[in-house]
Structure formats: structure tokens, C-alpha cells
N, C-alpha and C. Protein backbone atom coordinates (compact mmCIF):
# COMPACT_ATOMS: atom_id res chain seq x y z
N MET A 1 17.91 -68.17 -119.81
CA MET A 1 17.04 -69.23 -119.39
C MET A 1 17.45 -70.55 -120.02
N GLY A 2 18.69 -70.74 -120.28
CA GLY A 2 19.14 -72.02 -120.80
C GLY A 2 19.11 -72.06 -122.32
N GLU A 3 19.45 -73.23 -122.83
CA GLU A 3 19.49 -73.43 -124.27
C GLU A 3 18.07 -73.45 -124.82
N HIS A 4 17.94 -73.03 -126.05
CA HIS A 4 16.64 -73.09 -126.70
C HIS A 4 16.81 -73.59 -128.12
N GLU A 5 15.73 -74.11 -128.63
CA GLU A 5 15.74 -74.67 -129.96
C GLU A 5 15.87 -73.57 -130.99
N GLU A 6 16.66 -73.84 -132.02
CA GLU A 6 16.82 -72.89 -133.11
C GLU A 6 15.86 -73.31 -134.23
N GLN A 7 14.61 -72.94 -134.10
CA GLN A 7 13.63 -73.26 -135.12
C GLN A 7 12.65 -72.12 -135.22
N SER A 8 11.89 -72.13 -136.29
CA SER A 8 10.90 -71.09 -136.49
C SER A 8 9.85 -71.13 -135.39
N GLN A 9 9.44 -69.96 -134.96
CA GLN A 9 8.36 -69.85 -133.98
C GLN A 9 7.07 -69.36 -134.63
N LYS A 10 7.12 -69.25 -135.96
CA LYS A 10 5.95 -68.74 -136.68
C LYS A 10 4.83 -69.77 -136.64
N VAL A 11 3.64 -69.31 -136.27
CA VAL A 11 2.46 -70.16 -136.19
C VAL A 11 1.32 -69.43 -136.89
N GLU A 12 0.63 -70.13 -137.75
CA GLU A 12 -0.56 -69.59 -138.40
C GLU A 12 -1.77 -70.01 -137.56
N MET A 13 -2.65 -69.09 -137.31
CA MET A 13 -3.83 -69.38 -136.50
C MET A 13 -4.82 -70.21 -137.32
N GLU A 14 -5.03 -71.44 -136.89
CA GLU A 14 -5.94 -72.35 -137.59
C GLU A 14 -7.06 -72.80 -136.66
N TRP A 15 -7.47 -71.92 -135.76
CA TRP A 15 -8.53 -72.24 -134.80
C TRP A 15 -9.35 -70.99 -134.56
N GLU A 16 -10.54 -71.21 -134.03
CA GLU A 16 -11.41 -70.11 -133.64
C GLU A 16 -11.01 -69.65 -132.25
N THR A 17 -10.98 -68.36 -132.01
CA THR A 17 -10.69 -67.85 -130.68
C THR A 17 -11.82 -68.23 -129.74
N PRO A 18 -11.50 -68.95 -128.65
CA PRO A 18 -12.56 -69.31 -127.70
C PRO A 18 -13.04 -68.10 -126.91
N SER A 19 -14.23 -68.21 -126.34
CA SER A 19 -14.76 -67.15 -125.48
C SER A 19 -13.96 -67.14 -124.18
N SER A 20 -14.14 -66.08 -123.40
CA SER A 20 -13.45 -65.99 -122.10
C SER A 20 -13.78 -67.18 -121.21
N ASP A 21 -15.06 -67.56 -121.15
CA ASP A 21 -15.46 -68.70 -120.34
C ASP A 21 -14.83 -70.00 -120.85
N GLU A 22 -14.79 -70.15 -122.17
CA GLU A 22 -14.18 -71.34 -122.75
C GLU A 22 -12.68 -71.38 -122.45
N ILE A 23 -12.02 -70.23 -122.48
CA ILE A 23 -10.59 -70.18 -122.18
C ILE A 23 -10.34 -70.70 -120.77
N VAL A 24 -11.17 -70.29 -119.81
CA VAL A 24 -11.02 -70.72 -118.42
C VAL A 24 -11.17 -72.24 -118.33
N GLU A 25 -12.18 -72.80 -118.97
CA GLU A 25 -12.42 -74.25 -118.90
C GLU A 25 -11.32 -75.03 -119.61
N ILE A 26 -10.92 -74.58 -120.79
CA ILE A 26 -9.84 -75.23 -121.53
C ILE A 26 -8.56 -75.22 -120.69
N SER A 27 -8.30 -74.10 -120.04
CA SER A 27 -7.07 -73.94 -119.24
C SER A 27 -7.02 -74.95 -118.10
N LYS A 28 -8.14 -75.18 -117.43
CA LYS A 28 -8.16 -76.13 -116.32
C LYS A 28 -7.74 -77.52 -116.78
N GLY A 29 -8.31 -77.98 -117.88
CA GLY A 29 -7.96 -79.29 -118.42
C GLY A 29 -6.53 -79.35 -118.90
N HIS A 30 -6.05 -78.26 -119.50
CA HIS A 30 -4.68 -78.23 -120.01
C HIS A 30 -3.67 -78.30 -118.87
N VAL A 31 -3.91 -77.56 -117.79
CA VAL A 31 -3.00 -77.60 -116.64
C VAL A 31 -2.91 -79.03 -116.11
N ALA A 32 -4.05 -79.69 -115.98
CA ALA A 32 -4.05 -81.07 -115.46
C ALA A 32 -3.17 -81.96 -116.34
N GLY A 33 -3.30 -81.84 -117.63
CA GLY A 33 -2.48 -82.63 -118.55
C GLY A 33 -1.01 -82.29 -118.45
N LEU A 34 -0.69 -81.01 -118.36
CA LEU A 34 0.70 -80.57 -118.29
C LEU A 34 1.37 -81.05 -117.00
N GLU A 35 0.61 -81.11 -115.92
CA GLU A 35 1.19 -81.55 -114.65
C GLU A 35 1.36 -83.07 -114.58
N MET A 36 0.71 -83.80 -115.49
CA MET A 36 0.79 -85.26 -115.46
C MET A 36 1.88 -85.85 -116.35
N THR A 37 2.32 -85.12 -117.35
CA THR A 37 3.23 -85.72 -118.32
C THR A 37 4.18 -84.70 -118.92
N ASP A 38 5.27 -85.19 -119.47
CA ASP A 38 6.19 -84.37 -120.24
C ASP A 38 6.06 -84.66 -121.73
N ASP A 39 4.99 -85.31 -122.13
CA ASP A 39 4.76 -85.71 -123.52
C ASP A 39 4.64 -84.48 -124.42
N ASP A 40 5.35 -84.52 -125.54
CA ASP A 40 5.30 -83.41 -126.50
C ASP A 40 3.89 -83.07 -126.95
N ALA A 41 3.03 -84.08 -127.07
CA ALA A 41 1.66 -83.85 -127.54
C ALA A 41 0.88 -82.94 -126.60
N VAL A 42 1.24 -82.91 -125.33
CA VAL A 42 0.56 -82.07 -124.35
C VAL A 42 1.24 -80.70 -124.23
N TRP A 43 2.55 -80.68 -124.35
CA TRP A 43 3.32 -79.45 -124.15
C TRP A 43 3.43 -78.58 -125.39
N ARG A 44 3.17 -79.16 -126.55
CA ARG A 44 3.21 -78.38 -127.80
C ARG A 44 1.83 -78.48 -128.44
N VAL A 45 1.05 -77.43 -128.27
CA VAL A 45 -0.32 -77.39 -128.76
C VAL A 45 -0.44 -76.27 -129.79
N ALA A 46 -1.13 -76.56 -130.88
CA ALA A 46 -1.33 -75.59 -131.95
C ALA A 46 0.00 -75.02 -132.45
N GLY A 47 1.04 -75.86 -132.43
CA GLY A 47 2.35 -75.45 -132.92
C GLY A 47 3.15 -74.60 -131.96
N MET A 48 2.65 -74.42 -130.73
CA MET A 48 3.34 -73.56 -129.77
C MET A 48 3.71 -74.34 -128.51
N HIS A 49 4.93 -74.10 -128.03
CA HIS A 49 5.33 -74.67 -126.74
C HIS A 49 4.60 -73.91 -125.63
N HIS A 50 4.28 -74.62 -124.56
CA HIS A 50 3.54 -74.04 -123.45
C HIS A 50 4.33 -74.14 -122.15
N LEU A 51 3.88 -73.39 -121.18
CA LEU A 51 4.39 -73.47 -119.81
C LEU A 51 3.21 -73.32 -118.87
N VAL A 52 3.44 -73.66 -117.62
CA VAL A 52 2.43 -73.40 -116.59
C VAL A 52 3.01 -72.32 -115.69
N LEU A 53 2.25 -71.26 -115.53
CA LEU A 53 2.64 -70.15 -114.67
C LEU A 53 1.85 -70.27 -113.38
N TYR A 54 2.55 -70.25 -112.25
CA TYR A 54 1.92 -70.34 -110.93
C TYR A 54 2.01 -68.97 -110.29
N THR A 55 0.86 -68.39 -109.96
CA THR A 55 0.86 -67.12 -109.26
C THR A 55 0.11 -67.29 -107.94
N ILE A 56 0.35 -66.36 -107.03
CA ILE A 56 -0.41 -66.30 -105.79
C ILE A 56 -1.44 -65.19 -105.95
N GLY A 57 -2.69 -65.51 -105.69
CA GLY A 57 -3.76 -64.53 -105.83
C GLY A 57 -3.54 -63.33 -104.94
N ARG A 58 -3.61 -62.16 -105.51
CA ARG A 58 -3.36 -60.92 -104.76
C ARG A 58 -4.42 -60.68 -103.70
N ARG A 59 -5.62 -61.22 -103.88
CA ARG A 59 -6.69 -61.08 -102.89
C ARG A 59 -6.91 -62.36 -102.10
N SER A 60 -6.87 -63.50 -102.78
CA SER A 60 -7.20 -64.77 -102.13
C SER A 60 -6.03 -65.37 -101.35
N GLY A 61 -4.79 -65.11 -101.84
CA GLY A 61 -3.62 -65.74 -101.24
C GLY A 61 -3.43 -67.18 -101.68
N PHE A 62 -4.29 -67.67 -102.55
CA PHE A 62 -4.20 -69.05 -103.04
C PHE A 62 -3.35 -69.12 -104.31
N GLU A 63 -2.75 -70.29 -104.52
CA GLU A 63 -1.98 -70.51 -105.74
C GLU A 63 -2.94 -70.70 -106.92
N HIS A 64 -2.61 -70.06 -108.03
CA HIS A 64 -3.37 -70.19 -109.27
C HIS A 64 -2.42 -70.69 -110.35
N LYS A 65 -2.94 -71.50 -111.27
CA LYS A 65 -2.13 -72.08 -112.33
C LYS A 65 -2.76 -71.73 -113.67
N VAL A 66 -1.93 -71.30 -114.61
CA VAL A 66 -2.43 -70.98 -115.93
C VAL A 66 -1.45 -71.51 -116.98
N PRO A 67 -1.99 -72.25 -117.98
CA PRO A 67 -1.14 -72.70 -119.07
C PRO A 67 -1.07 -71.59 -120.12
N LEU A 68 0.13 -71.32 -120.59
CA LEU A 68 0.30 -70.24 -121.56
C LEU A 68 1.26 -70.66 -122.66
N PRO A 69 0.94 -70.31 -123.90
CA PRO A 69 1.94 -70.51 -124.94
C PRO A 69 3.03 -69.46 -124.74
N PHE A 70 4.25 -69.83 -125.06
CA PHE A 70 5.31 -68.83 -124.95
C PHE A 70 6.03 -68.68 -126.27
N TRP A 71 6.65 -67.54 -126.39
CA TRP A 71 7.46 -67.17 -127.55
C TRP A 71 8.81 -66.76 -126.99
N ARG A 72 9.88 -67.06 -127.69
CA ARG A 72 11.22 -66.67 -127.21
C ARG A 72 11.72 -65.44 -127.95
N ASP A 73 12.29 -64.51 -127.19
CA ASP A 73 12.93 -63.35 -127.82
C ASP A 73 14.30 -63.76 -128.34
N GLN A 74 15.02 -62.82 -128.93
CA GLN A 74 16.32 -63.15 -129.54
C GLN A 74 17.36 -63.61 -128.52
N ASP A 75 17.15 -63.31 -127.24
CA ASP A 75 18.07 -63.76 -126.19
C ASP A 75 17.62 -65.08 -125.57
N GLY A 76 16.52 -65.64 -126.07
CA GLY A 76 16.04 -66.92 -125.57
C GLY A 76 15.10 -66.84 -124.38
N HIS A 77 14.75 -65.62 -123.94
CA HIS A 77 13.81 -65.47 -122.83
C HIS A 77 12.41 -65.87 -123.27
N ARG A 78 11.73 -66.57 -122.40
CA ARG A 78 10.34 -66.94 -122.66
C ARG A 78 9.46 -65.72 -122.42
N ILE A 79 8.62 -65.42 -123.39
CA ILE A 79 7.71 -64.28 -123.31
C ILE A 79 6.29 -64.84 -123.38
N VAL A 80 5.44 -64.44 -122.42
CA VAL A 80 4.03 -64.78 -122.48
C VAL A 80 3.23 -63.50 -122.66
N VAL A 81 2.04 -63.64 -123.22
CA VAL A 81 1.23 -62.50 -123.61
C VAL A 81 -0.04 -62.46 -122.77
N GLY A 82 -0.30 -61.32 -122.15
CA GLY A 82 -1.50 -61.15 -121.32
C GLY A 82 -2.69 -60.69 -122.15
N SER A 83 -3.02 -61.43 -123.18
CA SER A 83 -4.05 -60.96 -124.12
C SER A 83 -5.47 -61.26 -123.68
N PHE A 84 -5.72 -62.42 -123.12
CA PHE A 84 -7.06 -62.90 -122.80
C PHE A 84 -7.97 -62.67 -124.01
N ALA A 85 -7.41 -62.98 -125.20
CA ALA A 85 -8.12 -62.88 -126.49
C ALA A 85 -8.64 -61.47 -126.77
N GLY A 86 -7.96 -60.46 -126.25
CA GLY A 86 -8.37 -59.08 -126.51
C GLY A 86 -9.45 -58.57 -125.58
N ALA A 87 -9.60 -59.22 -124.42
CA ALA A 87 -10.61 -58.77 -123.44
C ALA A 87 -10.30 -57.34 -122.98
N ALA A 88 -11.32 -56.68 -122.44
CA ALA A 88 -11.19 -55.29 -122.01
C ALA A 88 -10.21 -55.12 -120.85
N LYS A 89 -10.06 -56.17 -120.02
CA LYS A 89 -9.18 -56.10 -118.85
C LYS A 89 -8.13 -57.18 -118.91
N ASP A 90 -7.01 -56.92 -118.24
CA ASP A 90 -5.95 -57.92 -118.15
C ASP A 90 -6.48 -59.17 -117.47
N PRO A 91 -5.95 -60.33 -117.84
CA PRO A 91 -6.33 -61.55 -117.12
C PRO A 91 -5.85 -61.49 -115.67
N SER A 92 -6.50 -62.25 -114.81
CA SER A 92 -6.17 -62.24 -113.37
C SER A 92 -4.70 -62.54 -113.11
N TRP A 93 -4.11 -63.45 -113.88
CA TRP A 93 -2.72 -63.81 -113.63
C TRP A 93 -1.79 -62.62 -113.86
N VAL A 94 -2.14 -61.73 -114.78
CA VAL A 94 -1.32 -60.52 -115.00
C VAL A 94 -1.45 -59.60 -113.78
N TRP A 95 -2.67 -59.41 -113.29
CA TRP A 95 -2.87 -58.58 -112.10
C TRP A 95 -2.08 -59.14 -110.91
N ASN A 96 -2.07 -60.48 -110.79
CA ASN A 96 -1.29 -61.10 -109.72
C ASN A 96 0.19 -60.80 -109.86
N LEU A 97 0.71 -60.86 -111.08
CA LEU A 97 2.14 -60.59 -111.30
C LEU A 97 2.49 -59.13 -111.06
N LYS A 98 1.54 -58.23 -111.29
CA LYS A 98 1.78 -56.81 -111.04
C LYS A 98 1.92 -56.52 -109.54
N ASP A 99 1.35 -57.38 -108.71
CA ASP A 99 1.43 -57.24 -107.26
C ASP A 99 2.75 -57.85 -106.79
N ARG A 100 3.79 -57.04 -106.77
CA ARG A 100 5.13 -57.52 -106.43
C ARG A 100 5.25 -57.97 -104.98
N ALA A 101 4.41 -57.43 -104.10
CA ALA A 101 4.47 -57.87 -102.70
C ALA A 101 4.02 -59.33 -102.59
N THR A 102 3.03 -59.71 -103.36
CA THR A 102 2.51 -61.08 -103.33
C THR A 102 3.30 -62.01 -104.25
N ASN A 103 3.78 -61.50 -105.38
CA ASN A 103 4.49 -62.30 -106.38
C ASN A 103 5.83 -61.65 -106.75
N PRO A 104 6.79 -61.64 -105.82
CA PRO A 104 8.09 -61.04 -106.15
C PRO A 104 8.82 -61.83 -107.23
N ARG A 105 8.59 -63.14 -107.25
CA ARG A 105 9.09 -64.02 -108.30
C ARG A 105 7.94 -64.93 -108.68
N VAL A 106 8.11 -65.67 -109.75
CA VAL A 106 7.03 -66.53 -110.21
C VAL A 106 7.56 -67.93 -110.48
N LYS A 107 6.76 -68.92 -110.08
CA LYS A 107 7.12 -70.31 -110.35
C LYS A 107 6.63 -70.67 -111.75
N VAL A 108 7.50 -71.34 -112.51
CA VAL A 108 7.19 -71.69 -113.89
C VAL A 108 7.49 -73.17 -114.08
N ARG A 109 6.54 -73.87 -114.65
CA ARG A 109 6.78 -75.27 -115.04
C ARG A 109 6.91 -75.30 -116.55
N ILE A 110 8.00 -75.90 -117.01
CA ILE A 110 8.20 -76.13 -118.43
C ILE A 110 8.17 -77.64 -118.65
N GLN A 111 8.32 -78.05 -119.87
CA GLN A 111 8.15 -79.46 -120.21
C GLN A 111 8.98 -80.40 -119.35
N ARG A 112 10.18 -80.04 -119.03
CA ARG A 112 11.04 -80.96 -118.29
C ARG A 112 11.61 -80.35 -117.01
N GLY A 113 10.82 -79.49 -116.36
CA GLY A 113 11.32 -78.94 -115.11
C GLY A 113 10.47 -77.81 -114.57
N ILE A 114 10.84 -77.40 -113.35
CA ILE A 114 10.18 -76.28 -112.67
C ILE A 114 11.27 -75.35 -112.16
N PHE A 115 11.04 -74.06 -112.27
CA PHE A 115 12.02 -73.09 -111.76
C PHE A 115 11.30 -71.82 -111.31
N TRP A 116 12.02 -71.03 -110.53
CA TRP A 116 11.54 -69.71 -110.12
C TRP A 116 12.14 -68.69 -111.07
N SER A 117 11.35 -67.71 -111.45
CA SER A 117 11.80 -66.73 -112.43
C SER A 117 11.52 -65.31 -111.95
N GLU A 118 12.41 -64.43 -112.33
CA GLU A 118 12.16 -63.00 -112.19
C GLU A 118 11.27 -62.62 -113.36
N HIS A 119 10.37 -61.70 -113.17
CA HIS A 119 9.48 -61.32 -114.27
C HIS A 119 9.35 -59.81 -114.36
N ASP A 120 9.14 -59.37 -115.58
CA ASP A 120 8.82 -57.98 -115.86
C ASP A 120 7.48 -57.95 -116.57
N VAL A 121 6.61 -57.06 -116.16
CA VAL A 121 5.33 -56.86 -116.84
C VAL A 121 5.51 -55.61 -117.70
N LEU A 122 5.62 -55.82 -119.01
CA LEU A 122 5.85 -54.70 -119.92
C LEU A 122 4.51 -54.26 -120.50
N GLU A 123 4.10 -53.03 -120.12
CA GLU A 123 2.79 -52.52 -120.55
C GLU A 123 2.92 -51.32 -121.48
N GLY A 124 4.09 -51.03 -121.92
CA GLY A 124 4.30 -49.91 -122.82
C GLY A 124 5.78 -49.60 -122.89
N GLY A 125 6.10 -48.65 -123.70
CA GLY A 125 7.49 -48.23 -123.83
C GLY A 125 8.21 -48.96 -124.96
N PRO A 126 9.41 -48.48 -125.27
CA PRO A 126 10.14 -49.01 -126.42
C PRO A 126 10.49 -50.49 -126.33
N GLU A 127 10.84 -50.98 -125.12
CA GLU A 127 11.20 -52.40 -125.00
C GLU A 127 9.99 -53.28 -125.32
N ARG A 128 8.84 -52.96 -124.74
CA ARG A 128 7.64 -53.74 -125.01
C ARG A 128 7.25 -53.64 -126.48
N ASP A 129 7.29 -52.43 -127.02
CA ASP A 129 6.87 -52.22 -128.40
C ASP A 129 7.76 -52.98 -129.38
N ASP A 130 9.06 -53.01 -129.12
CA ASP A 130 10.00 -53.74 -129.98
C ASP A 130 9.73 -55.24 -129.91
N LEU A 131 9.57 -55.75 -128.68
CA LEU A 131 9.26 -57.19 -128.52
C LEU A 131 7.93 -57.53 -129.18
N TRP A 132 6.95 -56.65 -129.03
CA TRP A 132 5.63 -56.88 -129.62
C TRP A 132 5.74 -57.02 -131.14
N GLU A 133 6.46 -56.10 -131.76
CA GLU A 133 6.61 -56.14 -133.22
C GLU A 133 7.30 -57.43 -133.67
N GLN A 134 8.31 -57.86 -132.93
CA GLN A 134 8.98 -59.12 -133.26
C GLN A 134 8.02 -60.30 -133.09
N MET A 135 7.29 -60.31 -131.99
CA MET A 135 6.42 -61.43 -131.67
C MET A 135 5.27 -61.56 -132.67
N ILE A 136 4.65 -60.44 -133.07
CA ILE A 136 3.50 -60.57 -133.97
C ILE A 136 3.90 -61.00 -135.38
N ARG A 137 5.16 -60.94 -135.70
CA ARG A 137 5.61 -61.52 -136.99
C ARG A 137 5.42 -63.04 -136.96
N ASP A 138 5.54 -63.63 -135.78
CA ASP A 138 5.36 -65.08 -135.62
C ASP A 138 3.96 -65.45 -135.17
N ARG A 139 3.28 -64.56 -134.49
CA ARG A 139 1.96 -64.85 -133.90
C ARG A 139 1.01 -63.69 -134.23
N ALA A 140 0.65 -63.58 -135.51
CA ALA A 140 -0.06 -62.41 -136.03
C ALA A 140 -1.41 -62.16 -135.36
N TRP A 141 -2.07 -63.21 -134.85
CA TRP A 141 -3.40 -63.01 -134.26
C TRP A 141 -3.38 -62.11 -133.04
N TYR A 142 -2.22 -61.97 -132.38
CA TYR A 142 -2.17 -61.07 -131.23
C TYR A 142 -2.43 -59.62 -131.64
N ALA A 143 -2.05 -59.26 -132.86
CA ALA A 143 -2.34 -57.91 -133.36
C ALA A 143 -3.85 -57.72 -133.47
N ASP A 144 -4.57 -58.77 -133.88
CA ASP A 144 -6.03 -58.69 -133.93
C ASP A 144 -6.61 -58.54 -132.53
N TYR A 145 -6.04 -59.26 -131.56
CA TYR A 145 -6.50 -59.13 -130.18
C TYR A 145 -6.29 -57.70 -129.68
N GLN A 146 -5.13 -57.10 -130.04
CA GLN A 146 -4.85 -55.73 -129.60
C GLN A 146 -5.88 -54.75 -130.15
N LYS A 147 -6.35 -55.00 -131.38
CA LYS A 147 -7.35 -54.11 -131.99
C LYS A 147 -8.70 -54.17 -131.27
N LYS A 148 -8.96 -55.25 -130.53
CA LYS A 148 -10.24 -55.43 -129.85
C LYS A 148 -10.33 -54.67 -128.53
N THR A 149 -9.20 -54.16 -128.03
CA THR A 149 -9.20 -53.57 -126.69
C THR A 149 -8.46 -52.23 -126.68
N ASP A 150 -8.84 -51.39 -125.73
CA ASP A 150 -8.16 -50.11 -125.56
C ASP A 150 -6.90 -50.24 -124.70
N ARG A 151 -6.81 -51.31 -123.92
CA ARG A 151 -5.63 -51.48 -123.08
C ARG A 151 -4.45 -51.94 -123.92
N VAL A 152 -3.27 -51.65 -123.45
CA VAL A 152 -2.06 -52.19 -124.10
C VAL A 152 -1.87 -53.60 -123.57
N ILE A 153 -1.88 -54.57 -124.46
CA ILE A 153 -1.70 -55.96 -124.03
C ILE A 153 -0.27 -56.13 -123.52
N PRO A 154 -0.13 -56.55 -122.28
CA PRO A 154 1.21 -56.66 -121.70
C PRO A 154 1.95 -57.91 -122.15
N LEU A 155 3.27 -57.78 -122.17
CA LEU A 155 4.17 -58.90 -122.39
C LEU A 155 4.89 -59.15 -121.08
N ILE A 156 5.06 -60.41 -120.73
CA ILE A 156 5.70 -60.76 -119.47
C ILE A 156 6.88 -61.66 -119.80
């Protein structure tokens, strides 16, 4: 996925986890800001770089937009986490990505561009587990989110 910065991705959680309803409202405002500017102040929030993921609703057929922090694996691939703060069910955007007929590829907006991406929804197995262990070294709060739910939080 191109060149990436060689810097630490470790972030300490210095905020309260918002409720599910708050996450939805915060996300709407964040998407609007991300679509208006390439300013670092909008694209790097809470020490994390973000992207906008565009999915097509598996039931509605409408485009949906969600801002997500991403983490890079050792090969530089952007990884997003379907945590929804440890909710009992996957967020809607994950369900949309699982529907390959509706979302065979996914549109992604990054700070300085838009591209189409192939995606894998990793919900278990050694590849997901290895990536998870690497990621939580940098983003420890996701381990707390995993403890809140019986589902395996997917990595995309």
C-alpha cells in the first residue's frame, strides 16, 4: 500500500470510551471534517492516523462512510479494528464488508488520496491472532474491548 512512515504506532489511551450512540455521532462529524481537508489536525486524532472507509449497505444499497483509526502491520498494510468499543455485535461496516457480493472491494480515503482496496475480514485463526498480538502492543485498549464481548473482534 505504498510507503509508510517509520515511527512508533504506540498510543496510550487518554480518553473515555464513548457510548455506541456517541460513537455514531462523533463519526458523522469526523467524516465531514476528513472529507473537507487534508489537514494533519483532522487526520491524526488521539495520536492515530485515520481513514474513511466507504461501504455499500448490504440491505439498503446506500453508501456508508465510517472514520477509523488504522494501524500498520510489518508489511505496511493498513489494519482497522471492528471493535465498536467491545459491543456484543460487529459494527454495521464489518457486516457490509463480509457481504462480498455487495462489497467485493472497498473504497478508502486516506489523508492525501482515495483508492480501491482488496480486504480480508479476519475473525480468527493464526494470522488474525498474530496481528492482534502485535497491534495490542501499540493499542492496548483493544484488549480491554475484547474482554467485554464474546465475539472475536475482527481485523480488516
